[in-house]
Amino acid sequence: MAAQDLTSIDHIIDIARGATAPDPVDQEHRQTRRIPYDGTVALVQITPDGGKSIPTVVRCRNVSAGGMCIHSRYMLHIGYEGAILMMRSNGEAVIIGAKIVHCKYIGDMLHESGVEFIPSSVNFMMDDFCDEQGNMPRLEQPRAA
């Protein structure tokens, strides 16, 4: 187990024992287990006029059956919908409907956003994730822990 994991576990134990008061970020409000996912995904949002934004590549921090946490260099607007392109462990690309449910500035020019998986209200295709030259984004597979 990595040293950082031991520190996190010790912190959780201290909170559970009442030795440390939890910070707001320590309080668990989720019903599903989060799985670390240190890789990149692509995001396309539905614009206010009903079009599709240009694809952007963002870092995914963790994922669950209901959504994911991503880090980006820009603020995402709560309530906006779109689609996420991510890679399965076998390298297959998949598109998942997404809705931004929270976004906060976490420092060092990074924003953390919560993305809820939803049925897509718009038909997204692989071509929606291509850049102006028709190239698909290069997505990093999750790094081993």
N, C-alpha and C. Protein backbone atom coordinates (compact mmCIF):
# COMPACT_ATOMS: atom_id res chain seq x y z
N MET A 1 0.85 -1.18 0.00
CA MET A 1 0.00 0.00 0.00
C MET A 1 0.89 1.24 0.00
N ALA A 2 0.57 2.22 -0.81
CA ALA A 2 1.37 3.42 -0.94
C ALA A 2 1.26 4.26 0.32
N ALA A 3 2.29 5.08 0.56
CA ALA A 3 2.31 5.93 1.75
C ALA A 3 1.11 6.87 1.76
N GLN A 4 0.72 7.40 0.61
CA GLN A 4 -0.42 8.30 0.54
C GLN A 4 -1.70 7.56 0.96
N ASP A 5 -1.86 6.30 0.58
CA ASP A 5 -3.02 5.53 0.99
C ASP A 5 -3.06 5.36 2.50
N LEU A 6 -1.91 5.11 3.12
CA LEU A 6 -1.86 4.96 4.57
C LEU A 6 -2.26 6.26 5.26
N THR A 7 -1.82 7.40 4.75
CA THR A 7 -2.19 8.68 5.32
C THR A 7 -3.69 8.88 5.24
N SER A 8 -4.31 8.55 4.10
CA SER A 8 -5.76 8.70 3.94
C SER A 8 -6.50 7.79 4.90
N ILE A 9 -6.04 6.56 5.02
CA ILE A 9 -6.69 5.62 5.92
C ILE A 9 -6.57 6.10 7.36
N ASP A 10 -5.38 6.56 7.74
CA ASP A 10 -5.19 7.09 9.10
C ASP A 10 -6.13 8.25 9.36
N HIS A 11 -6.29 9.12 8.41
CA HIS A 11 -7.18 10.28 8.56
C HIS A 11 -8.63 9.82 8.76
N ILE A 12 -9.06 8.86 7.98
CA ILE A 12 -10.43 8.34 8.11
C ILE A 12 -10.62 7.68 9.48
N ILE A 13 -9.60 6.94 9.93
CA ILE A 13 -9.68 6.31 11.26
C ILE A 13 -9.81 7.37 12.35
N ASP A 14 -9.02 8.45 12.24
CA ASP A 14 -9.09 9.54 13.23
C ASP A 14 -10.47 10.18 13.26
N ILE A 15 -11.07 10.35 12.11
CA ILE A 15 -12.42 10.92 12.05
C ILE A 15 -13.41 9.95 12.71
N ALA A 16 -13.29 8.67 12.36
CA ALA A 16 -14.20 7.66 12.90
C ALA A 16 -14.09 7.56 14.43
N ARG A 17 -12.88 7.75 14.95
CA ARG A 17 -12.67 7.67 16.40
C ARG A 17 -13.06 8.96 17.11
N GLY A 18 -13.35 10.02 16.38
CA GLY A 18 -13.68 11.31 16.98
C GLY A 18 -12.47 12.11 17.36
N ALA A 19 -11.27 11.68 16.96
CA ALA A 19 -10.05 12.40 17.29
C ALA A 19 -9.84 13.61 16.39
N THR A 20 -10.46 13.61 15.23
CA THR A 20 -10.34 14.71 14.28
C THR A 20 -11.74 15.05 13.77
N ALA A 21 -12.03 16.33 13.70
CA ALA A 21 -13.32 16.74 13.12
C ALA A 21 -13.22 16.65 11.60
N PRO A 22 -14.26 16.15 10.96
CA PRO A 22 -14.19 16.05 9.50
C PRO A 22 -14.27 17.42 8.84
N ASP A 23 -13.50 17.60 7.79
CA ASP A 23 -13.63 18.77 6.93
C ASP A 23 -14.84 18.52 6.04
N PRO A 24 -15.43 19.57 5.45
CA PRO A 24 -16.56 19.34 4.54
C PRO A 24 -16.24 18.36 3.41
N VAL A 25 -14.99 18.34 2.94
CA VAL A 25 -14.64 17.44 1.85
C VAL A 25 -14.53 15.99 2.31
N ASP A 26 -14.45 15.75 3.65
CA ASP A 26 -14.36 14.39 4.17
C ASP A 26 -15.73 13.72 4.29
N GLN A 27 -16.78 14.49 4.31
CA GLN A 27 -18.10 13.94 4.53
C GLN A 27 -18.62 13.27 3.28
N GLU A 28 -19.08 12.06 3.42
CA GLU A 28 -19.54 11.23 2.29
C GLU A 28 -21.03 11.37 2.11
N HIS A 29 -21.45 11.83 0.96
CA HIS A 29 -22.86 11.97 0.64
C HIS A 29 -23.28 11.02 -0.49
N ARG A 30 -22.36 10.27 -1.01
CA ARG A 30 -22.64 9.39 -2.15
C ARG A 30 -23.14 8.04 -1.69
N GLN A 31 -23.88 7.41 -2.57
CA GLN A 31 -24.41 6.09 -2.28
C GLN A 31 -23.63 5.00 -3.01
N THR A 32 -22.73 5.37 -3.91
CA THR A 32 -22.00 4.37 -4.69
C THR A 32 -20.51 4.49 -4.44
N ARG A 33 -19.82 3.38 -4.60
CA ARG A 33 -18.37 3.31 -4.38
C ARG A 33 -17.63 3.99 -5.53
N ARG A 34 -16.64 4.79 -5.22
CA ARG A 34 -15.80 5.46 -6.21
C ARG A 34 -14.56 4.62 -6.46
N ILE A 35 -14.20 4.50 -7.72
CA ILE A 35 -13.01 3.75 -8.12
C ILE A 35 -11.99 4.74 -8.68
N PRO A 36 -10.77 4.77 -8.15
CA PRO A 36 -9.76 5.69 -8.70
C PRO A 36 -9.58 5.44 -10.20
N TYR A 37 -9.44 6.52 -10.97
CA TYR A 37 -9.27 6.42 -12.42
C TYR A 37 -8.40 7.59 -12.83
N ASP A 38 -7.12 7.41 -12.86
CA ASP A 38 -6.21 8.50 -13.21
C ASP A 38 -5.88 8.42 -14.69
N GLY A 39 -6.84 8.81 -15.51
CA GLY A 39 -6.68 8.80 -16.96
C GLY A 39 -7.43 9.99 -17.54
N THR A 40 -7.47 10.10 -18.86
CA THR A 40 -8.17 11.21 -19.49
C THR A 40 -9.41 10.72 -20.20
N VAL A 41 -10.38 11.62 -20.32
CA VAL A 41 -11.61 11.39 -21.05
C VAL A 41 -11.86 12.65 -21.89
N ALA A 42 -12.69 12.52 -22.91
CA ALA A 42 -13.06 13.69 -23.72
C ALA A 42 -14.49 14.08 -23.39
N LEU A 43 -14.75 15.37 -23.44
CA LEU A 43 -16.06 15.91 -23.10
C LEU A 43 -16.55 16.80 -24.23
N VAL A 44 -17.80 16.60 -24.65
CA VAL A 44 -18.49 17.50 -25.57
C VAL A 44 -19.78 17.91 -24.88
N GLN A 45 -20.03 19.21 -24.82
CA GLN A 45 -21.23 19.71 -24.16
C GLN A 45 -22.24 20.23 -25.19
N ILE A 46 -23.50 20.21 -24.81
CA ILE A 46 -24.53 20.82 -25.63
C ILE A 46 -24.50 22.31 -25.33
N THR A 47 -24.37 23.13 -26.37
CA THR A 47 -24.29 24.57 -26.19
C THR A 47 -25.68 25.15 -25.96
N PRO A 48 -25.77 26.38 -25.44
CA PRO A 48 -27.09 26.98 -25.19
C PRO A 48 -27.99 27.05 -26.43
N ASP A 49 -27.39 27.13 -27.62
CA ASP A 49 -28.21 27.18 -28.85
C ASP A 49 -28.55 25.79 -29.39
N GLY A 50 -28.20 24.73 -28.63
CA GLY A 50 -28.53 23.36 -29.03
C GLY A 50 -27.48 22.67 -29.86
N GLY A 51 -26.37 23.35 -30.14
CA GLY A 51 -25.27 22.74 -30.88
C GLY A 51 -24.37 21.94 -29.97
N LYS A 52 -23.22 21.57 -30.49
CA LYS A 52 -22.25 20.80 -29.70
C LYS A 52 -20.95 21.58 -29.62
N SER A 53 -20.36 21.60 -28.43
CA SER A 53 -19.10 22.31 -28.22
C SER A 53 -17.96 21.55 -28.88
N ILE A 54 -16.81 22.21 -28.95
CA ILE A 54 -15.62 21.49 -29.42
C ILE A 54 -15.24 20.48 -28.35
N PRO A 55 -14.66 19.35 -28.73
CA PRO A 55 -14.27 18.37 -27.72
C PRO A 55 -13.08 18.86 -26.91
N THR A 56 -13.09 18.56 -25.63
CA THR A 56 -11.97 18.89 -24.76
C THR A 56 -11.57 17.64 -23.99
N VAL A 57 -10.28 17.52 -23.74
CA VAL A 57 -9.76 16.38 -22.98
C VAL A 57 -9.53 16.84 -21.55
N VAL A 58 -10.07 16.09 -20.59
CA VAL A 58 -9.96 16.41 -19.17
C VAL A 58 -9.48 15.18 -18.42
N ARG A 59 -8.96 15.38 -17.22
CA ARG A 59 -8.47 14.27 -16.41
C ARG A 59 -9.59 13.76 -15.51
N CYS A 60 -9.81 12.47 -15.54
CA CYS A 60 -10.79 11.82 -14.67
C CYS A 60 -10.06 11.35 -13.42
N ARG A 61 -10.59 11.71 -12.27
CA ARG A 61 -9.96 11.34 -10.99
C ARG A 61 -10.54 10.05 -10.42
N ASN A 62 -11.87 9.90 -10.54
CA ASN A 62 -12.50 8.66 -10.07
C ASN A 62 -13.82 8.49 -10.80
N VAL A 63 -14.32 7.27 -10.74
CA VAL A 63 -15.55 6.95 -11.46
C VAL A 63 -16.39 5.99 -10.61
N SER A 64 -17.69 6.09 -10.76
CA SER A 64 -18.61 5.16 -10.10
C SER A 64 -19.69 4.79 -11.10
N ALA A 65 -20.61 3.97 -10.66
CA ALA A 65 -21.71 3.59 -11.55
C ALA A 65 -22.58 4.78 -11.90
N GLY A 66 -22.57 5.83 -11.08
CA GLY A 66 -23.44 6.98 -11.32
C GLY A 66 -22.79 8.19 -11.92
N GLY A 67 -21.45 8.22 -11.96
CA GLY A 67 -20.80 9.41 -12.48
C GLY A 67 -19.29 9.38 -12.30
N MET A 68 -18.69 10.56 -12.45
CA MET A 68 -17.23 10.67 -12.32
C MET A 68 -16.85 12.05 -11.82
N CYS A 69 -15.65 12.13 -11.33
CA CYS A 69 -15.05 13.39 -10.92
C CYS A 69 -13.96 13.72 -11.93
N ILE A 70 -14.01 14.93 -12.49
CA ILE A 70 -13.00 15.33 -13.47
C ILE A 70 -12.32 16.61 -13.03
N HIS A 71 -11.09 16.80 -13.50
CA HIS A 71 -10.33 18.03 -13.29
C HIS A 71 -10.10 18.66 -14.65
N SER A 72 -10.33 19.97 -14.72
CA SER A 72 -10.12 20.70 -15.96
C SER A 72 -9.52 22.07 -15.65
N ARG A 73 -9.00 22.72 -16.66
CA ARG A 73 -8.42 24.06 -16.51
C ARG A 73 -9.48 25.15 -16.62
N TYR A 74 -10.73 24.77 -16.79
CA TYR A 74 -11.80 25.75 -16.96
C TYR A 74 -13.03 25.32 -16.17
N MET A 75 -13.87 26.32 -15.88
CA MET A 75 -15.10 26.06 -15.15
C MET A 75 -16.13 25.43 -16.07
N LEU A 76 -16.81 24.40 -15.58
CA LEU A 76 -17.93 23.81 -16.30
C LEU A 76 -19.21 24.31 -15.65
N HIS A 77 -20.23 24.57 -16.45
CA HIS A 77 -21.46 25.14 -15.93
C HIS A 77 -22.42 24.06 -15.43
N ILE A 78 -22.82 24.20 -14.19
CA ILE A 78 -23.75 23.25 -13.56
C ILE A 78 -25.04 23.21 -14.37
N GLY A 79 -25.51 22.00 -14.62
CA GLY A 79 -26.75 21.80 -15.36
C GLY A 79 -26.54 21.53 -16.84
N TYR A 80 -25.36 21.87 -17.35
CA TYR A 80 -25.09 21.61 -18.77
C TYR A 80 -24.99 20.11 -19.01
N GLU A 81 -25.51 19.67 -20.14
CA GLU A 81 -25.45 18.26 -20.52
C GLU A 81 -24.52 18.08 -21.70
N GLY A 82 -24.16 16.85 -21.95
CA GLY A 82 -23.28 16.53 -23.06
C GLY A 82 -22.97 15.05 -23.06
N ALA A 83 -21.75 14.73 -23.46
CA ALA A 83 -21.32 13.34 -23.52
C ALA A 83 -19.84 13.24 -23.19
N ILE A 84 -19.50 12.10 -22.61
CA ILE A 84 -18.12 11.76 -22.26
C ILE A 84 -17.68 10.61 -23.16
N LEU A 85 -16.47 10.70 -23.67
CA LEU A 85 -15.84 9.60 -24.41
C LEU A 85 -14.75 9.05 -23.51
N MET A 86 -14.84 7.76 -23.21
CA MET A 86 -13.80 7.15 -22.39
C MET A 86 -13.45 5.78 -22.95
N MET A 87 -12.33 5.25 -22.52
CA MET A 87 -11.84 3.97 -23.02
C MET A 87 -12.09 2.86 -22.01
N ARG A 88 -12.56 1.75 -22.52
CA ARG A 88 -12.65 0.53 -21.70
C ARG A 88 -11.24 -0.01 -21.51
N SER A 89 -11.07 -0.96 -20.62
CA SER A 89 -9.75 -1.53 -20.36
C SER A 89 -9.18 -2.23 -21.59
N ASN A 90 -10.05 -2.68 -22.51
CA ASN A 90 -9.57 -3.34 -23.73
C ASN A 90 -9.28 -2.34 -24.85
N GLY A 91 -9.42 -1.02 -24.57
CA GLY A 91 -9.13 0.01 -25.57
C GLY A 91 -10.33 0.46 -26.38
N GLU A 92 -11.49 -0.14 -26.16
CA GLU A 92 -12.70 0.24 -26.89
C GLU A 92 -13.20 1.59 -26.38
N ALA A 93 -13.50 2.52 -27.30
CA ALA A 93 -14.04 3.82 -26.94
C ALA A 93 -15.55 3.72 -26.76
N VAL A 94 -16.07 4.35 -25.72
CA VAL A 94 -17.51 4.36 -25.45
C VAL A 94 -17.96 5.79 -25.16
N ILE A 95 -19.20 6.10 -25.55
CA ILE A 95 -19.80 7.41 -25.32
C ILE A 95 -20.87 7.25 -24.25
N ILE A 96 -20.84 8.14 -23.25
CA ILE A 96 -21.78 8.08 -22.14
C ILE A 96 -22.40 9.47 -21.97
N GLY A 97 -23.72 9.54 -21.86
CA GLY A 97 -24.39 10.82 -21.60
C GLY A 97 -23.96 11.37 -20.26
N ALA A 98 -23.84 12.70 -20.17
CA ALA A 98 -23.30 13.32 -18.96
C ALA A 98 -24.00 14.63 -18.65
N LYS A 99 -24.05 14.94 -17.35
CA LYS A 99 -24.59 16.22 -16.88
C LYS A 99 -23.67 16.74 -15.78
N ILE A 100 -23.31 18.01 -15.85
CA ILE A 100 -22.45 18.61 -14.84
C ILE A 100 -23.32 18.92 -13.61
N VAL A 101 -22.95 18.35 -12.46
CA VAL A 101 -23.75 18.55 -11.25
C VAL A 101 -23.06 19.42 -10.20
N HIS A 102 -21.76 19.60 -10.30
CA HIS A 102 -21.08 20.57 -9.45
C HIS A 102 -19.74 20.93 -10.06
N CYS A 103 -19.26 22.11 -9.70
CA CYS A 103 -17.95 22.56 -10.17
C CYS A 103 -17.40 23.54 -9.14
N LYS A 104 -16.15 23.34 -8.76
CA LYS A 104 -15.52 24.27 -7.83
C LYS A 104 -14.05 24.44 -8.20
N TYR A 105 -13.53 25.61 -7.91
CA TYR A 105 -12.12 25.89 -8.13
C TYR A 105 -11.34 25.25 -6.99
N ILE A 106 -10.31 24.47 -7.33
CA ILE A 106 -9.55 23.78 -6.28
C ILE A 106 -8.12 24.30 -6.16
N GLY A 107 -7.78 25.30 -6.96
CA GLY A 107 -6.45 25.89 -6.88
C GLY A 107 -5.56 25.43 -8.01
N ASP A 108 -4.43 26.14 -8.16
CA ASP A 108 -3.44 25.80 -9.18
C ASP A 108 -4.07 25.75 -10.58
N MET A 109 -4.99 26.67 -10.83
CA MET A 109 -5.66 26.80 -12.14
C MET A 109 -6.49 25.56 -12.49
N LEU A 110 -6.99 24.82 -11.50
CA LEU A 110 -7.79 23.63 -11.75
C LEU A 110 -9.19 23.77 -11.16
N HIS A 111 -10.15 23.23 -11.88
CA HIS A 111 -11.53 23.12 -11.41
C HIS A 111 -11.86 21.63 -11.28
N GLU A 112 -12.58 21.30 -10.23
CA GLU A 112 -13.06 19.93 -10.04
C GLU A 112 -14.56 19.93 -10.31
N SER A 113 -14.99 19.01 -11.16
CA SER A 113 -16.40 18.93 -11.52
C SER A 113 -16.93 17.53 -11.29
N GLY A 114 -18.17 17.48 -10.82
CA GLY A 114 -18.89 16.23 -10.69
C GLY A 114 -19.75 16.04 -11.92
N VAL A 115 -19.65 14.87 -12.52
CA VAL A 115 -20.40 14.56 -13.73
C VAL A 115 -21.31 13.37 -13.42
N GLU A 116 -22.59 13.56 -13.64
CA GLU A 116 -23.55 12.48 -13.46
C GLU A 116 -23.80 11.82 -14.82
N PHE A 117 -23.80 10.49 -14.83
CA PHE A 117 -24.13 9.78 -16.06
C PHE A 117 -25.64 9.81 -16.25
N ILE A 118 -26.08 10.18 -17.45
CA ILE A 118 -27.50 10.29 -17.78
C ILE A 118 -27.74 9.71 -19.17
N PRO A 119 -28.99 9.38 -19.48
CA PRO A 119 -29.29 9.05 -20.88
C PRO A 119 -29.11 10.33 -21.70
N SER A 120 -28.47 10.23 -22.82
CA SER A 120 -28.19 11.41 -23.63
C SER A 120 -29.47 11.92 -24.30
N SER A 121 -29.68 13.25 -24.22
CA SER A 121 -30.84 13.85 -24.86
C SER A 121 -30.56 14.17 -26.33
N VAL A 122 -29.32 14.05 -26.73
CA VAL A 122 -28.89 14.31 -28.10
C VAL A 122 -28.10 13.10 -28.58
N ASN A 123 -28.21 12.79 -29.85
CA ASN A 123 -27.47 11.66 -30.41
C ASN A 123 -26.01 12.07 -30.64
N PHE A 124 -25.11 11.54 -29.83
CA PHE A 124 -23.68 11.80 -30.00
C PHE A 124 -23.06 10.65 -30.77
N MET A 125 -22.11 11.01 -31.65
CA MET A 125 -21.39 10.01 -32.45
C MET A 125 -19.90 10.22 -32.25
N MET A 126 -19.11 9.25 -32.64
CA MET A 126 -17.65 9.36 -32.50
C MET A 126 -17.12 10.60 -33.20
N ASP A 127 -17.70 10.96 -34.34
CA ASP A 127 -17.25 12.14 -35.08
C ASP A 127 -17.36 13.42 -34.26
N ASP A 128 -18.28 13.47 -33.30
CA ASP A 128 -18.44 14.65 -32.46
C ASP A 128 -17.21 14.91 -31.60
N PHE A 129 -16.36 13.92 -31.42
CA PHE A 129 -15.18 14.04 -30.59
C PHE A 129 -13.91 14.32 -31.41
N CYS A 130 -14.04 14.42 -32.72
CA CYS A 130 -12.90 14.69 -33.60
C CYS A 130 -12.58 16.18 -33.62
N ASP A 131 -11.30 16.51 -33.77
CA ASP A 131 -10.91 17.92 -33.90
C ASP A 131 -11.15 18.39 -35.34
N GLU A 132 -10.75 19.62 -35.65
CA GLU A 132 -10.98 20.19 -36.98
C GLU A 132 -10.32 19.39 -38.09
N GLN A 133 -9.26 18.68 -37.79
CA GLN A 133 -8.57 17.86 -38.79
C GLN A 133 -9.15 16.45 -38.87
N GLY A 134 -10.15 16.15 -38.09
CA GLY A 134 -10.77 14.83 -38.12
C GLY A 134 -10.09 13.80 -37.24
N ASN A 135 -9.19 14.25 -36.35
CA ASN A 135 -8.47 13.33 -35.46
C ASN A 135 -9.22 13.13 -34.15
N MET A 136 -9.28 11.88 -33.72
CA MET A 136 -9.85 11.57 -32.42
C MET A 136 -8.85 11.99 -31.34
N PRO A 137 -9.35 12.37 -30.16
CA PRO A 137 -8.41 12.72 -29.08
C PRO A 137 -7.66 11.49 -28.61
N ARG A 138 -6.40 11.71 -28.22
CA ARG A 138 -5.62 10.62 -27.63
C ARG A 138 -5.93 10.59 -26.14
N LEU A 139 -6.57 9.53 -25.72
CA LEU A 139 -6.94 9.40 -24.31
C LEU A 139 -5.97 8.48 -23.60
N GLU A 140 -5.54 8.89 -22.42
CA GLU A 140 -4.65 8.06 -21.59
C GLU A 140 -5.49 7.04 -20.85
N GLN A 141 -5.03 5.82 -20.84
CA GLN A 141 -5.65 4.79 -20.01
C GLN A 141 -5.33 5.11 -18.55
N PRO A 142 -6.16 4.66 -17.64
CA PRO A 142 -5.87 4.90 -16.21
C PRO A 142 -4.52 4.32 -15.83
N ARG A 143 -3.81 5.05 -14.98
CA ARG A 143 -2.50 4.58 -14.50
C ARG A 143 -2.70 3.58 -13.38
N ALA A 144 -1.81 2.64 -13.31
CA ALA A 144 -1.88 1.63 -12.23
C ALA A 144 -1.58 2.31 -10.90
N ALA A 145 -2.26 1.86 -9.87
CA ALA A 145 -2.05 2.45 -8.53
C ALA A 145 -0.79 1.96 -7.91
